[in-house]
Amino acid sequence: TRKFEFIQKERVFFAGAFRSDDHNSLREHDYELILDFYTQLIGRKTGRQPEENILFPLRLYCRGSIDMTVEWIFAPKERTPEQMAALLVSALPMPVTELFQQLGVLR
């Protein structure tokens, strides 16, 4: 929710920054940060890096969550930051959701 509140406050900046799809774009940087956040979290909680059965759906989710964030930036009145956060949590792939529940990351 805090991430979406921040993006909402700085919407003009993010709207401009997310227009680019270049390799060094904000989209790509955001993807790398989000994926790294989740893989580091899993690594800390399990003592090992995620296996392909978790990593593949996690990568897919991270790409999709960025696209949905960009879509929201250009139509922010449709959903509140709280709604966006809740929707993205509910969209976690089942293998990732199950792992996060086992690790106590999700309730």
C-alpha atoms as a PDB file:
ATOM      1  CA  THR A   1       0.000   0.000   0.000  1.00  0.00           C
ATOM      2  CA  ARG A   2       2.827   2.427   0.862  1.00  0.00           C
ATOM      3  CA  LYS A   3       4.392   1.840  -2.548  1.00  0.00           C
ATOM      4  CA  PHE A   4       1.146   2.772  -4.291  1.00  0.00           C
ATOM      5  CA  GLU A   5       0.632   5.797  -2.053  1.00  0.00           C
ATOM      6  CA  PHE A   6       4.112   7.000  -3.006  1.00  0.00           C
ATOM      7  CA  ILE A   7       3.491   6.379  -6.716  1.00  0.00           C
ATOM      8  CA  GLN A   8       0.180   8.226  -6.438  1.00  0.00           C
ATOM      9  CA  LYS A   9       1.898  11.272  -4.903  1.00  0.00           C
ATOM     10  CA  GLU A  10       4.577  11.243  -7.608  1.00  0.00           C
ATOM     11  CA  ARG A  11       2.258  10.210 -10.442  1.00  0.00           C
ATOM     12  CA  VAL A  12       3.575  12.757 -12.952  1.00  0.00           C
ATOM     13  CA  PHE A  13       7.128  11.487 -12.542  1.00  0.00           C
ATOM     14  CA  PHE A  14       6.132   7.824 -12.778  1.00  0.00           C
ATOM     15  CA  ALA A  15       3.866   8.418 -15.766  1.00  0.00           C
ATOM     16  CA  GLY A  16       6.795   9.865 -17.669  1.00  0.00           C
ATOM     17  CA  ALA A  17       9.311   7.327 -16.419  1.00  0.00           C
ATOM     18  CA  PHE A  18       7.181   4.281 -17.214  1.00  0.00           C
ATOM     19  CA  ARG A  19       6.557   5.383 -20.817  1.00  0.00           C
ATOM     20  CA  SER A  20       9.908   3.892 -21.844  1.00  0.00           C
ATOM     21  CA  ASP A  21      10.338   0.166 -22.459  1.00  0.00           C
ATOM     22  CA  ASP A  22      14.097   0.283 -23.126  1.00  0.00           C
ATOM     23  CA  HIS A  23      16.372  -2.285 -21.509  1.00  0.00           C
ATOM     24  CA  ASN A  24      17.501   0.314 -18.936  1.00  0.00           C
ATOM     25  CA  SER A  25      13.963   1.568 -18.337  1.00  0.00           C
ATOM     26  CA  LEU A  26      12.230   2.034 -15.015  1.00  0.00           C
ATOM     27  CA  ARG A  27      10.071  -0.986 -15.846  1.00  0.00           C
ATOM     28  CA  GLU A  28      13.131  -3.197 -16.126  1.00  0.00           C
ATOM     29  CA  HIS A  29      14.712  -1.695 -13.021  1.00  0.00           C
ATOM     30  CA  ASP A  30      11.475  -2.165 -11.066  1.00  0.00           C
ATOM     31  CA  TYR A  31      11.261  -5.768 -12.261  1.00  0.00           C
ATOM     32  CA  GLU A  32      14.785  -6.510 -11.069  1.00  0.00           C
ATOM     33  CA  LEU A  33      14.126  -4.862  -7.684  1.00  0.00           C
ATOM     34  CA  ILE A  34      10.839  -6.665  -7.097  1.00  0.00           C
ATOM     35  CA  LEU A  35      12.204 -10.051  -8.168  1.00  0.00           C
ATOM     36  CA  ASP A  36      15.288  -9.537  -6.005  1.00  0.00           C
ATOM     37  CA  PHE A  37      13.114  -8.561  -3.040  1.00  0.00           C
ATOM     38  CA  TYR A  38      11.089 -11.763  -3.289  1.00  0.00           C
ATOM     39  CA  THR A  39      14.047 -14.068  -3.973  1.00  0.00           C
ATOM     40  CA  GLN A  40      15.986 -12.549  -1.060  1.00  0.00           C
ATOM     41  CA  LEU A  41      12.937 -12.953   1.192  1.00  0.00           C
ATOM     42  CA  ILE A  42      12.607 -16.603   0.204  1.00  0.00           C
ATOM     43  CA  GLY A  43      16.344 -17.104   0.669  1.00  0.00           C
ATOM     44  CA  ARG A  44      16.281 -15.599   4.173  1.00  0.00           C
ATOM     45  CA  LYS A  45      13.269 -17.658   5.213  1.00  0.00           C
ATOM     46  CA  THR A  46      14.360 -20.993   3.686  1.00  0.00           C
ATOM     47  CA  GLY A  47      18.152 -20.737   3.644  1.00  0.00           C
ATOM     48  CA  ARG A  48      18.247 -21.371  -0.109  1.00  0.00           C
ATOM     49  CA  GLN A  49      17.327 -19.718  -3.365  1.00  0.00           C
ATOM     50  CA  PRO A  50      13.926 -20.561  -4.867  1.00  0.00           C
ATOM     51  CA  GLU A  51      13.759 -23.482  -7.250  1.00  0.00           C
ATOM     52  CA  GLU A  52      12.389 -23.190 -10.780  1.00  0.00           C
ATOM     53  CA  ASN A  53       8.873 -24.302  -9.733  1.00  0.00           C
ATOM     54  CA  ILE A  54       8.716 -21.131  -7.598  1.00  0.00           C
ATOM     55  CA  LEU A  55      11.033 -18.873  -9.588  1.00  0.00           C
ATOM     56  CA  PHE A  56       9.180 -19.163 -12.895  1.00  0.00           C
ATOM     57  CA  PRO A  57       5.729 -18.152 -11.552  1.00  0.00           C
ATOM     58  CA  LEU A  58       7.405 -15.507  -9.398  1.00  0.00           C
ATOM     59  CA  ARG A  59       9.103 -13.983 -12.450  1.00  0.00           C
ATOM     60  CA  LEU A  60       5.820 -14.078 -14.352  1.00  0.00           C
ATOM     61  CA  TYR A  61       4.038 -12.416 -11.431  1.00  0.00           C
ATOM     62  CA  CYS A  62       6.666  -9.671 -11.129  1.00  0.00           C
ATOM     63  CA  ARG A  63       6.337  -8.805 -14.832  1.00  0.00           C
ATOM     64  CA  GLY A  64       2.557  -8.735 -14.589  1.00  0.00           C
ATOM     65  CA  SER A  65       2.501  -6.679 -11.407  1.00  0.00           C
ATOM     66  CA  ILE A  66       4.593  -3.995 -13.082  1.00  0.00           C
ATOM     67  CA  ASP A  67       2.254  -3.875 -16.068  1.00  0.00           C
ATOM     68  CA  MET A  68      -0.748  -3.557 -13.763  1.00  0.00           C
ATOM     69  CA  THR A  69       1.034  -0.803 -11.815  1.00  0.00           C
ATOM     70  CA  VAL A  70       1.726   1.103 -15.035  1.00  0.00           C
ATOM     71  CA  GLU A  71      -1.903   0.667 -16.083  1.00  0.00           C
ATOM     72  CA  TRP A  72      -2.969   2.050 -12.690  1.00  0.00           C
ATOM     73  CA  ILE A  73      -0.669   5.056 -13.014  1.00  0.00           C
ATOM     74  CA  PHE A  74      -2.564   6.142 -16.116  1.00  0.00           C
ATOM     75  CA  ALA A  75      -6.001   5.489 -14.549  1.00  0.00           C
ATOM     76  CA  PRO A  76      -5.445   6.042 -10.798  1.00  0.00           C
ATOM     77  CA  LYS A  77      -9.043   6.930  -9.962  1.00  0.00           C
ATOM     78  CA  GLU A  78     -10.228   3.419 -10.723  1.00  0.00           C
ATOM     79  CA  ARG A  79      -8.528   1.909  -7.643  1.00  0.00           C
ATOM     80  CA  THR A  80      -7.102   3.181  -4.386  1.00  0.00           C
ATOM     81  CA  PRO A  81      -3.559   2.273  -3.287  1.00  0.00           C
ATOM     82  CA  GLU A  82      -5.094  -0.157  -0.789  1.00  0.00           C
ATOM     83  CA  GLN A  83      -7.146  -1.832  -3.501  1.00  0.00           C
ATOM     84  CA  MET A  84      -4.119  -2.154  -5.777  1.00  0.00           C
ATOM     85  CA  ALA A  85      -2.045  -3.741  -3.025  1.00  0.00           C
ATOM     86  CA  ALA A  86      -4.837  -6.186  -2.156  1.00  0.00           C
ATOM     87  CA  LEU A  87      -5.404  -7.122  -5.795  1.00  0.00           C
ATOM     88  CA  LEU A  88      -1.723  -7.802  -6.369  1.00  0.00           C
ATOM     89  CA  VAL A  89      -1.498  -9.964  -3.258  1.00  0.00           C
ATOM     90  CA  SER A  90      -4.553 -11.919  -4.419  1.00  0.00           C
ATOM     91  CA  ALA A  91      -2.921 -12.398  -7.840  1.00  0.00           C
ATOM     92  CA  LEU A  92       0.150 -14.190  -6.474  1.00  0.00           C
ATOM     93  CA  PRO A  93       0.522 -17.540  -8.243  1.00  0.00           C
ATOM     94  CA  MET A  94      -0.623 -20.499  -6.162  1.00  0.00           C
ATOM     95  CA  PRO A  95       2.858 -22.056  -5.695  1.00  0.00           C
ATOM     96  CA  VAL A  96       4.179 -18.717  -4.421  1.00  0.00           C
ATOM     97  CA  THR A  97       1.115 -18.140  -2.234  1.00  0.00           C
ATOM     98  CA  GLU A  98       1.462 -21.591  -0.681  1.00  0.00           C
ATOM     99  CA  LEU A  99       5.187 -21.061  -0.025  1.00  0.00           C
ATOM    100  CA  PHE A 100       4.569 -17.638   1.505  1.00  0.00           C
ATOM    101  CA  GLN A 101       1.871 -19.088   3.741  1.00  0.00           C
ATOM    102  CA  GLN A 102       4.226 -21.859   4.894  1.00  0.00           C
ATOM    103  CA  LEU A 103       6.928 -19.259   5.615  1.00  0.00           C
ATOM    104  CA  GLY A 104       4.533 -16.999   7.521  1.00  0.00           C
ATOM    105  CA  VAL A 105       4.805 -14.187   4.982  1.00  0.00           C
ATOM    106  CA  LEU A 106       1.066 -14.352   4.179  1.00  0.00           C
ATOM    107  CA  ARG A 107      -1.725 -15.206   6.563  1.00  0.00           C
END
